[in-house]
Amino acid sequence: PIGILLRGPQHYLIAYDEKDLQAAQPPEKMFLIPRLEDAVALDEPCAPNAEVTVAELVRQKGLADFVRDPALVTIRLRVWDYVLRLLEDNLIAPNQTFRLEDDGESAIVTADVMLSGTLYRWLMGFGDKVEVLEPLSLRRTIAWQAASASEYYEDIYEAEGEEDEEGDDVDS
């Protein structure tokens, strides 16, 4: 095994196939985890290429969702609450930096990543607990997506104090 990749809603195992291990440079393969029926623990460790990482395979072979350009981009985020604790203990990239701000409530996180659909969904999933500071193109994209999604709920603000069809307060 080399690692696990989330591609859309599916998890994939990135690994070498046992039948290919005799090759001078065995190919890395993607295996959809729910489809795995049989796995064997090898008696002897194989000697995979030390330079092979999931991030490198994603860049080289285009395995991430919606990657137009596999070049790494430096992102800078301001994070709060549980995202602060999450990124304090977990790296999103090998070169990630984490600096707690003076208020003690937020941190600035920087890392080199690929701009991908997976990254956009990951950032949007944190809602108001993360702010993209850089690059400006990513900040604009996330702002546009957040604004577009919030348009679906504009009627909530107009309907304060009203009740929904089940009799519950709309603003509760």
N, C-alpha and C. Protein backbone atom coordinates (compact mmCIF):
# COMPACT_ATOMS: atom_id res chain seq x y z
N PRO A 1 0.82 -1.20 0.00
CA PRO A 1 0.00 0.00 0.00
C PRO A 1 0.86 1.26 0.00
N ILE A 2 0.36 2.28 -0.70
CA ILE A 2 1.04 3.57 -0.71
C ILE A 2 0.21 4.59 0.05
N GLY A 3 -1.11 4.53 -0.08
CA GLY A 3 -1.97 5.45 0.63
C GLY A 3 -3.41 5.31 0.20
N ILE A 4 -4.24 6.20 0.75
CA ILE A 4 -5.66 6.24 0.46
C ILE A 4 -5.97 7.58 -0.21
N LEU A 5 -6.84 7.56 -1.19
CA LEU A 5 -7.22 8.77 -1.91
C LEU A 5 -8.74 8.88 -1.90
N LEU A 6 -9.25 10.07 -1.55
CA LEU A 6 -10.67 10.34 -1.66
C LEU A 6 -10.88 11.03 -2.99
N ARG A 7 -11.65 10.41 -3.85
CA ARG A 7 -11.94 10.95 -5.18
C ARG A 7 -13.45 11.04 -5.31
N GLY A 8 -13.97 12.27 -5.21
CA GLY A 8 -15.42 12.42 -5.13
C GLY A 8 -15.88 11.75 -3.84
N PRO A 9 -16.95 10.95 -3.90
CA PRO A 9 -17.42 10.29 -2.67
C PRO A 9 -16.75 8.93 -2.40
N GLN A 10 -15.84 8.52 -3.27
CA GLN A 10 -15.25 7.18 -3.17
C GLN A 10 -13.83 7.21 -2.59
N HIS A 11 -13.51 6.20 -1.79
CA HIS A 11 -12.15 6.03 -1.28
C HIS A 11 -11.44 4.95 -2.12
N TYR A 12 -10.20 5.26 -2.47
CA TYR A 12 -9.38 4.33 -3.25
C TYR A 12 -8.11 4.01 -2.49
N LEU A 13 -7.69 2.76 -2.60
CA LEU A 13 -6.39 2.34 -2.09
C LEU A 13 -5.41 2.49 -3.24
N ILE A 14 -4.33 3.21 -3.01
CA ILE A 14 -3.25 3.31 -4.00
C ILE A 14 -2.20 2.31 -3.53
N ALA A 15 -1.91 1.33 -4.37
CA ALA A 15 -1.02 0.26 -3.93
C ALA A 15 -0.38 -0.43 -5.13
N TYR A 16 0.57 -1.28 -4.82
CA TYR A 16 1.16 -2.14 -5.83
C TYR A 16 0.39 -3.45 -5.83
N ASP A 17 0.21 -4.03 -7.01
CA ASP A 17 -0.42 -5.33 -7.14
C ASP A 17 0.67 -6.38 -6.94
N GLU A 18 0.40 -7.38 -6.12
CA GLU A 18 1.40 -8.41 -5.80
C GLU A 18 2.00 -9.04 -7.05
N LYS A 19 1.18 -9.23 -8.08
CA LYS A 19 1.68 -9.88 -9.31
C LYS A 19 2.68 -9.00 -10.06
N ASP A 20 2.71 -7.70 -9.77
CA ASP A 20 3.63 -6.79 -10.46
C ASP A 20 4.91 -6.51 -9.68
N LEU A 21 5.05 -7.04 -8.48
CA LEU A 21 6.18 -6.68 -7.63
C LEU A 21 7.53 -7.14 -8.16
N GLN A 22 7.53 -8.10 -9.05
CA GLN A 22 8.80 -8.59 -9.60
C GLN A 22 9.36 -7.65 -10.67
N ALA A 23 8.54 -6.76 -11.17
CA ALA A 23 8.99 -5.81 -12.19
C ALA A 23 9.99 -4.83 -11.59
N ALA A 24 10.88 -4.31 -12.42
CA ALA A 24 11.88 -3.35 -11.96
C ALA A 24 11.20 -2.11 -11.37
N GLN A 25 10.17 -1.63 -12.03
CA GLN A 25 9.39 -0.50 -11.52
C GLN A 25 7.91 -0.87 -11.59
N PRO A 26 7.39 -1.51 -10.54
CA PRO A 26 5.98 -1.92 -10.60
C PRO A 26 5.06 -0.70 -10.69
N PRO A 27 4.00 -0.81 -11.47
CA PRO A 27 3.07 0.33 -11.60
C PRO A 27 2.21 0.47 -10.35
N GLU A 28 1.94 1.70 -9.98
CA GLU A 28 1.03 1.96 -8.88
C GLU A 28 -0.39 1.85 -9.43
N LYS A 29 -1.28 1.27 -8.67
CA LYS A 29 -2.65 1.09 -9.15
C LYS A 29 -3.64 1.64 -8.12
N MET A 30 -4.82 2.02 -8.64
CA MET A 30 -5.92 2.47 -7.79
C MET A 30 -6.92 1.33 -7.64
N PHE A 31 -7.32 1.06 -6.41
CA PHE A 31 -8.30 0.03 -6.13
C PHE A 31 -9.46 0.66 -5.36
N LEU A 32 -10.67 0.58 -5.90
CA LEU A 32 -11.84 1.11 -5.21
C LEU A 32 -12.08 0.24 -3.97
N ILE A 33 -12.01 0.84 -2.81
CA ILE A 33 -12.02 0.07 -1.56
C ILE A 33 -13.26 -0.82 -1.41
N PRO A 34 -14.48 -0.34 -1.67
CA PRO A 34 -15.63 -1.24 -1.51
C PRO A 34 -15.62 -2.45 -2.44
N ARG A 35 -14.82 -2.40 -3.50
CA ARG A 35 -14.77 -3.52 -4.44
C ARG A 35 -13.70 -4.55 -4.09
N LEU A 36 -12.85 -4.25 -3.11
CA LEU A 36 -11.82 -5.21 -2.73
C LEU A 36 -12.48 -6.43 -2.12
N GLU A 37 -12.11 -7.59 -2.62
CA GLU A 37 -12.67 -8.84 -2.12
C GLU A 37 -11.63 -9.68 -1.40
N ASP A 38 -10.37 -9.47 -1.74
CA ASP A 38 -9.32 -10.31 -1.17
C ASP A 38 -8.05 -9.49 -1.03
N ALA A 39 -7.43 -9.58 0.10
CA ALA A 39 -6.16 -8.89 0.32
C ALA A 39 -5.25 -9.83 1.08
N VAL A 40 -3.98 -9.76 0.79
CA VAL A 40 -3.01 -10.64 1.43
C VAL A 40 -1.90 -9.79 2.02
N ALA A 41 -1.54 -10.08 3.25
CA ALA A 41 -0.38 -9.42 3.86
C ALA A 41 0.86 -10.15 3.35
N LEU A 42 1.79 -9.41 2.79
CA LEU A 42 2.99 -10.03 2.23
C LEU A 42 3.94 -10.44 3.35
N ASP A 43 4.59 -11.59 3.16
CA ASP A 43 5.56 -12.07 4.15
C ASP A 43 6.81 -11.21 4.15
N GLU A 44 7.18 -10.72 2.97
CA GLU A 44 8.38 -9.91 2.85
C GLU A 44 7.99 -8.51 2.44
N PRO A 45 8.63 -7.53 3.04
CA PRO A 45 8.31 -6.16 2.61
C PRO A 45 8.82 -5.94 1.19
N CYS A 46 8.05 -5.22 0.40
CA CYS A 46 8.52 -4.87 -0.92
C CYS A 46 9.30 -3.57 -0.79
N ALA A 47 10.05 -3.24 -1.80
CA ALA A 47 10.86 -2.02 -1.75
C ALA A 47 10.27 -1.01 -2.73
N PRO A 48 9.19 -0.33 -2.33
CA PRO A 48 8.62 0.66 -3.24
C PRO A 48 9.54 1.85 -3.40
N ASN A 49 9.35 2.53 -4.49
CA ASN A 49 10.12 3.73 -4.75
C ASN A 49 9.84 4.74 -3.64
N ALA A 50 10.87 5.16 -2.94
CA ALA A 50 10.70 6.09 -1.82
C ALA A 50 10.14 7.44 -2.26
N GLU A 51 10.29 7.77 -3.52
CA GLU A 51 9.81 9.05 -4.04
C GLU A 51 8.31 9.03 -4.33
N VAL A 52 7.69 7.84 -4.29
CA VAL A 52 6.28 7.73 -4.63
C VAL A 52 5.44 8.06 -3.40
N THR A 53 4.65 9.11 -3.53
CA THR A 53 3.68 9.48 -2.51
C THR A 53 2.34 9.62 -3.19
N VAL A 54 1.28 9.58 -2.41
CA VAL A 54 -0.05 9.75 -3.00
C VAL A 54 -0.13 11.11 -3.68
N ALA A 55 0.40 12.14 -3.05
CA ALA A 55 0.35 13.48 -3.65
C ALA A 55 1.07 13.50 -4.99
N GLU A 56 2.21 12.85 -5.08
CA GLU A 56 2.97 12.82 -6.33
C GLU A 56 2.20 12.04 -7.41
N LEU A 57 1.60 10.93 -7.04
CA LEU A 57 0.81 10.15 -8.00
C LEU A 57 -0.39 10.95 -8.50
N VAL A 58 -1.03 11.66 -7.60
CA VAL A 58 -2.18 12.48 -7.99
C VAL A 58 -1.74 13.51 -9.02
N ARG A 59 -0.60 14.15 -8.76
CA ARG A 59 -0.10 15.16 -9.70
C ARG A 59 0.32 14.53 -11.03
N GLN A 60 1.07 13.44 -10.98
CA GLN A 60 1.60 12.84 -12.19
C GLN A 60 0.50 12.21 -13.05
N LYS A 61 -0.44 11.54 -12.40
CA LYS A 61 -1.42 10.75 -13.14
C LYS A 61 -2.81 11.37 -13.17
N GLY A 62 -2.96 12.56 -12.59
CA GLY A 62 -4.24 13.24 -12.64
C GLY A 62 -5.35 12.51 -11.91
N LEU A 63 -5.08 11.98 -10.73
CA LEU A 63 -6.06 11.19 -10.02
C LEU A 63 -7.06 12.02 -9.22
N ALA A 64 -6.78 13.28 -8.97
CA ALA A 64 -7.70 14.11 -8.18
C ALA A 64 -8.84 14.59 -9.07
N ASP A 65 -9.94 14.95 -8.40
CA ASP A 65 -11.11 15.46 -9.13
C ASP A 65 -10.85 16.86 -9.64
N PHE A 66 -11.22 17.11 -10.88
CA PHE A 66 -11.25 18.45 -11.44
C PHE A 66 -9.92 19.19 -11.32
N VAL A 67 -8.84 18.52 -11.59
CA VAL A 67 -7.54 19.19 -11.56
C VAL A 67 -7.22 19.64 -12.97
N ARG A 68 -7.18 20.93 -13.18
CA ARG A 68 -6.83 21.45 -14.51
C ARG A 68 -5.33 21.58 -14.64
N ASP A 69 -4.68 21.94 -13.54
CA ASP A 69 -3.24 22.15 -13.54
C ASP A 69 -2.68 21.48 -12.30
N PRO A 70 -1.85 20.45 -12.46
CA PRO A 70 -1.34 19.73 -11.29
C PRO A 70 -0.24 20.45 -10.51
N ALA A 71 0.10 21.67 -10.91
CA ALA A 71 1.14 22.41 -10.19
C ALA A 71 0.67 22.73 -8.77
N LEU A 72 1.61 22.74 -7.86
CA LEU A 72 1.29 23.09 -6.48
C LEU A 72 1.14 24.60 -6.35
N VAL A 73 0.18 25.00 -5.52
CA VAL A 73 -0.10 26.41 -5.26
C VAL A 73 -0.05 26.59 -3.75
N THR A 74 0.53 27.69 -3.30
CA THR A 74 0.57 27.97 -1.87
C THR A 74 -0.76 28.59 -1.45
N ILE A 75 -1.44 27.92 -0.52
CA ILE A 75 -2.67 28.49 0.02
C ILE A 75 -2.40 28.99 1.43
N ARG A 76 -3.13 30.01 1.82
CA ARG A 76 -3.04 30.55 3.17
C ARG A 76 -4.47 30.67 3.69
N LEU A 77 -4.71 30.06 4.85
CA LEU A 77 -6.04 29.99 5.43
C LEU A 77 -6.03 30.58 6.84
N ARG A 78 -7.14 31.18 7.24
CA ARG A 78 -7.36 31.52 8.64
C ARG A 78 -8.40 30.52 9.12
N VAL A 79 -8.11 29.85 10.23
CA VAL A 79 -9.00 28.79 10.72
C VAL A 79 -9.38 29.06 12.17
N TRP A 80 -10.57 28.60 12.55
CA TRP A 80 -11.09 28.74 13.90
C TRP A 80 -11.61 27.41 14.40
N ASP A 81 -11.89 27.38 15.70
CA ASP A 81 -12.67 26.33 16.35
C ASP A 81 -12.09 24.93 16.06
N TYR A 82 -12.93 23.98 15.69
CA TYR A 82 -12.47 22.61 15.50
C TYR A 82 -11.49 22.48 14.33
N VAL A 83 -11.57 23.36 13.34
CA VAL A 83 -10.63 23.30 12.21
C VAL A 83 -9.23 23.68 12.70
N LEU A 84 -9.16 24.62 13.62
CA LEU A 84 -7.87 24.99 14.22
C LEU A 84 -7.25 23.76 14.89
N ARG A 85 -8.04 23.06 15.69
CA ARG A 85 -7.52 21.86 16.37
C ARG A 85 -7.18 20.75 15.37
N LEU A 86 -7.99 20.61 14.34
CA LEU A 86 -7.75 19.58 13.33
C LEU A 86 -6.43 19.81 12.61
N LEU A 87 -6.20 21.05 12.15
CA LEU A 87 -4.99 21.33 11.36
C LEU A 87 -3.76 21.54 12.24
N GLU A 88 -3.96 21.70 13.52
CA GLU A 88 -2.82 21.76 14.43
C GLU A 88 -2.16 20.38 14.53
N ASP A 89 -2.98 19.34 14.42
CA ASP A 89 -2.50 17.97 14.59
C ASP A 89 -2.38 17.18 13.29
N ASN A 90 -2.95 17.68 12.20
CA ASN A 90 -2.97 16.94 10.94
C ASN A 90 -2.49 17.83 9.80
N LEU A 91 -1.58 17.31 9.01
CA LEU A 91 -1.01 18.07 7.89
C LEU A 91 -1.86 17.90 6.64
N ILE A 92 -2.10 19.02 5.94
CA ILE A 92 -2.74 18.92 4.63
C ILE A 92 -1.70 18.85 3.53
N ALA A 93 -0.44 19.10 3.89
CA ALA A 93 0.69 18.99 2.95
C ALA A 93 1.95 18.86 3.79
N PRO A 94 2.97 18.23 3.25
CA PRO A 94 4.21 18.05 4.01
C PRO A 94 4.84 19.36 4.49
N ASN A 95 4.64 20.44 3.77
CA ASN A 95 5.28 21.71 4.14
C ASN A 95 4.33 22.64 4.91
N GLN A 96 3.25 22.12 5.43
CA GLN A 96 2.27 22.95 6.14
C GLN A 96 2.92 23.70 7.30
N THR A 97 2.56 24.97 7.43
CA THR A 97 2.95 25.74 8.61
C THR A 97 1.68 26.13 9.35
N PHE A 98 1.80 26.31 10.64
CA PHE A 98 0.66 26.60 11.50
C PHE A 98 1.11 27.65 12.50
N ARG A 99 0.45 28.81 12.49
CA ARG A 99 0.82 29.88 13.41
C ARG A 99 -0.42 30.38 14.12
N LEU A 100 -0.46 30.17 15.45
CA LEU A 100 -1.57 30.65 16.25
C LEU A 100 -1.54 32.17 16.27
N GLU A 101 -2.69 32.81 16.07
CA GLU A 101 -2.74 34.27 16.08
C GLU A 101 -2.81 34.79 17.52
N ASP A 102 -2.55 36.08 17.68
CA ASP A 102 -2.48 36.70 18.99
C ASP A 102 -3.76 36.51 19.81
N ASP A 103 -4.91 36.43 19.13
CA ASP A 103 -6.17 36.28 19.86
C ASP A 103 -6.33 34.89 20.48
N GLY A 104 -5.49 33.93 20.07
CA GLY A 104 -5.57 32.57 20.59
C GLY A 104 -6.79 31.80 20.10
N GLU A 105 -7.62 32.46 19.31
CA GLU A 105 -8.86 31.85 18.82
C GLU A 105 -8.74 31.38 17.38
N SER A 106 -7.72 31.85 16.67
CA SER A 106 -7.57 31.51 15.26
C SER A 106 -6.10 31.25 14.95
N ALA A 107 -5.87 30.66 13.79
CA ALA A 107 -4.51 30.38 13.34
C ALA A 107 -4.43 30.62 11.84
N ILE A 108 -3.22 30.89 11.39
CA ILE A 108 -2.94 31.01 9.95
C ILE A 108 -2.21 29.73 9.54
N VAL A 109 -2.75 29.07 8.53
CA VAL A 109 -2.18 27.83 8.02
C VAL A 109 -1.78 28.06 6.58
N THR A 110 -0.56 27.67 6.23
CA THR A 110 -0.11 27.73 4.84
C THR A 110 0.34 26.34 4.42
N ALA A 111 0.16 26.06 3.14
CA ALA A 111 0.57 24.76 2.60
C ALA A 111 0.57 24.82 1.08
N ASP A 112 1.36 23.99 0.46
CA ASP A 112 1.38 23.86 -1.00
C ASP A 112 0.49 22.69 -1.38
N VAL A 113 -0.56 22.97 -2.15
CA VAL A 113 -1.53 21.95 -2.55
C VAL A 113 -1.91 22.15 -4.01
N MET A 114 -2.60 21.16 -4.58
CA MET A 114 -3.18 21.31 -5.91
C MET A 114 -4.57 21.89 -5.78
N LEU A 115 -4.94 22.77 -6.68
CA LEU A 115 -6.31 23.27 -6.71
C LEU A 115 -7.16 22.21 -7.39
N SER A 116 -8.11 21.64 -6.65
CA SER A 116 -8.91 20.55 -7.18
C SER A 116 -10.33 20.63 -6.63
N GLY A 117 -11.22 19.88 -7.24
CA GLY A 117 -12.57 19.77 -6.73
C GLY A 117 -12.59 19.26 -5.31
N THR A 118 -11.71 18.33 -4.99
CA THR A 118 -11.62 17.80 -3.63
C THR A 118 -11.26 18.91 -2.66
N LEU A 119 -10.31 19.77 -3.02
CA LEU A 119 -9.94 20.88 -2.14
C LEU A 119 -11.11 21.83 -1.96
N TYR A 120 -11.82 22.17 -3.03
CA TYR A 120 -12.96 23.09 -2.93
C TYR A 120 -14.03 22.53 -1.99
N ARG A 121 -14.37 21.24 -2.15
CA ARG A 121 -15.38 20.62 -1.29
C ARG A 121 -14.91 20.58 0.15
N TRP A 122 -13.62 20.31 0.36
CA TRP A 122 -13.05 20.24 1.70
C TRP A 122 -13.17 21.61 2.37
N LEU A 123 -12.78 22.67 1.67
CA LEU A 123 -12.87 24.01 2.23
C LEU A 123 -14.31 24.42 2.49
N MET A 124 -15.21 24.17 1.55
CA MET A 124 -16.61 24.54 1.73
C MET A 124 -17.25 23.76 2.88
N GLY A 125 -16.78 22.56 3.11
CA GLY A 125 -17.33 21.73 4.19
C GLY A 125 -17.09 22.31 5.57
N PHE A 126 -16.10 23.17 5.72
CA PHE A 126 -15.82 23.78 7.02
C PHE A 126 -16.66 25.01 7.28
N GLY A 127 -17.41 25.47 6.28
CA GLY A 127 -18.30 26.61 6.47
C GLY A 127 -17.56 27.83 6.98
N ASP A 128 -18.08 28.41 8.06
CA ASP A 128 -17.51 29.66 8.58
C ASP A 128 -16.33 29.43 9.52
N LYS A 129 -15.78 28.24 9.54
CA LYS A 129 -14.62 27.94 10.40
C LYS A 129 -13.30 28.05 9.65
N VAL A 130 -13.36 28.44 8.36
CA VAL A 130 -12.14 28.64 7.57
C VAL A 130 -12.37 29.80 6.61
N GLU A 131 -11.34 30.63 6.48
CA GLU A 131 -11.36 31.72 5.51
C GLU A 131 -10.13 31.55 4.62
N VAL A 132 -10.35 31.50 3.32
CA VAL A 132 -9.24 31.44 2.37
C VAL A 132 -8.69 32.85 2.23
N LEU A 133 -7.40 33.01 2.51
CA LEU A 133 -6.75 34.31 2.38
C LEU A 133 -6.01 34.43 1.05
N GLU A 134 -5.36 33.36 0.63
CA GLU A 134 -4.59 33.34 -0.62
C GLU A 134 -4.63 31.94 -1.20
N PRO A 135 -4.49 31.83 -2.50
CA PRO A 135 -4.38 32.86 -3.52
C PRO A 135 -5.74 33.51 -3.77
N LEU A 136 -5.70 34.67 -4.35
CA LEU A 136 -6.92 35.44 -4.60
C LEU A 136 -7.90 34.67 -5.48
N SER A 137 -7.39 33.91 -6.44
CA SER A 137 -8.29 33.15 -7.33
C SER A 137 -9.08 32.11 -6.54
N LEU A 138 -8.45 31.44 -5.58
CA LEU A 138 -9.16 30.46 -4.74
C LEU A 138 -10.12 31.18 -3.80
N ARG A 139 -9.70 32.30 -3.24
CA ARG A 139 -10.57 33.09 -2.36
C ARG A 139 -11.84 33.49 -3.11
N ARG A 140 -11.68 33.95 -4.35
CA ARG A 140 -12.84 34.35 -5.16
C ARG A 140 -13.76 33.17 -5.45
N THR A 141 -13.18 32.03 -5.79
CA THR A 141 -13.98 30.84 -6.10
C THR A 141 -14.80 30.41 -4.89
N ILE A 142 -14.17 30.33 -3.73
CA ILE A 142 -14.87 29.92 -2.51
C ILE A 142 -15.93 30.95 -2.14
N ALA A 143 -15.62 32.24 -2.27
CA ALA A 143 -16.60 33.29 -1.97
C ALA A 143 -17.81 33.17 -2.90
N TRP A 144 -17.55 32.94 -4.17
CA TRP A 144 -18.63 32.80 -5.14
C TRP A 144 -19.51 31.59 -4.81
N GLN A 145 -18.88 30.45 -4.47
CA GLN A 145 -19.65 29.25 -4.14
C GLN A 145 -20.48 29.47 -2.88
N ALA A 146 -19.89 30.10 -1.87
CA ALA A 146 -20.62 30.36 -0.62
C ALA A 146 -21.79 31.31 -0.87
N ALA A 147 -21.56 32.35 -1.65
CA ALA A 147 -22.63 33.32 -1.94
C ALA A 147 -23.74 32.65 -2.74
N SER A 148 -23.38 31.83 -3.71
CA SER A 148 -24.38 31.14 -4.52
C SER A 148 -25.22 30.21 -3.66
N ALA A 149 -24.59 29.48 -2.76
CA ALA A 149 -25.33 28.56 -1.88
C ALA A 149 -26.23 29.33 -0.93
N SER A 150 -25.77 30.47 -0.43
CA SER A 150 -26.58 31.23 0.53
C SER A 150 -27.83 31.80 -0.11
N GLU A 151 -27.83 32.00 -1.43
CA GLU A 151 -29.02 32.50 -2.11
C GLU A 151 -30.21 31.56 -1.96
N TYR A 152 -29.94 30.26 -1.79
CA TYR A 152 -31.03 29.31 -1.61
C TYR A 152 -31.79 29.56 -0.31
N TYR A 153 -31.17 30.22 0.64
CA TYR A 153 -31.74 30.38 1.97
C TYR A 153 -32.14 31.81 2.29
N GLU A 154 -32.16 32.69 1.29
CA GLU A 154 -32.52 34.09 1.53
C GLU A 154 -33.89 34.22 2.17
N ASP A 155 -34.82 33.33 1.83
CA ASP A 155 -36.17 33.43 2.38
C ASP A 155 -36.20 33.19 3.89
N ILE A 156 -35.19 32.55 4.43
CA ILE A 156 -35.13 32.29 5.87
C ILE A 156 -35.07 33.61 6.63
N TYR A 157 -34.28 34.55 6.14
CA TYR A 157 -34.13 35.83 6.81
C TYR A 157 -35.39 36.67 6.68
N GLU A 158 -36.11 36.51 5.58
CA GLU A 158 -37.33 37.27 5.36
C GLU A 158 -38.48 36.71 6.19
N ALA A 159 -38.40 35.43 6.57
CA ALA A 159 -39.52 34.75 7.22
C ALA A 159 -39.34 34.64 8.74
N GLU A 160 -38.47 35.42 9.34
CA GLU A 160 -38.26 35.32 10.79
C GLU A 160 -39.57 35.49 11.53
N GLY A 161 -39.78 34.62 12.50
CA GLY A 161 -40.99 34.69 13.30
C GLY A 161 -42.15 33.90 12.72
N GLU A 162 -42.07 33.50 11.47
CA GLU A 162 -43.12 32.70 10.85
C GLU A 162 -42.94 31.25 11.25
N GLU A 163 -43.96 30.44 11.01
CA GLU A 163 -43.87 29.01 11.30
C GLU A 163 -43.83 28.24 10.00
N ASP A 164 -43.13 27.09 10.04
CA ASP A 164 -43.12 26.25 8.84
C ASP A 164 -44.38 25.37 8.85
N GLU A 165 -44.49 24.47 7.90
CA GLU A 165 -45.70 23.67 7.73
C GLU A 165 -45.98 22.75 8.91
N GLU A 166 -44.94 22.33 9.66
CA GLU A 166 -45.15 21.44 10.81
C GLU A 166 -45.45 22.24 12.08
N GLY A 167 -45.47 23.56 11.99
CA GLY A 167 -45.76 24.37 13.16
C GLY A 167 -44.54 24.77 13.96
N ASP A 168 -43.34 24.42 13.49
CA ASP A 168 -42.11 24.81 14.18
C ASP A 168 -41.76 26.22 13.81
N ASP A 169 -41.14 26.94 14.73
CA ASP A 169 -40.64 28.26 14.41
C ASP A 169 -39.57 28.15 13.33
N VAL A 170 -39.63 28.98 12.31
CA VAL A 170 -38.67 28.97 11.23
C VAL A 170 -37.29 29.33 11.73
N ASP A 171 -37.20 30.26 12.68
CA ASP A 171 -35.89 30.72 13.13
C ASP A 171 -35.34 29.96 14.31
N SER A 172 -35.90 28.83 14.66
CA SER A 172 -35.37 28.05 15.79
C SER A 172 -34.42 27.00 15.31
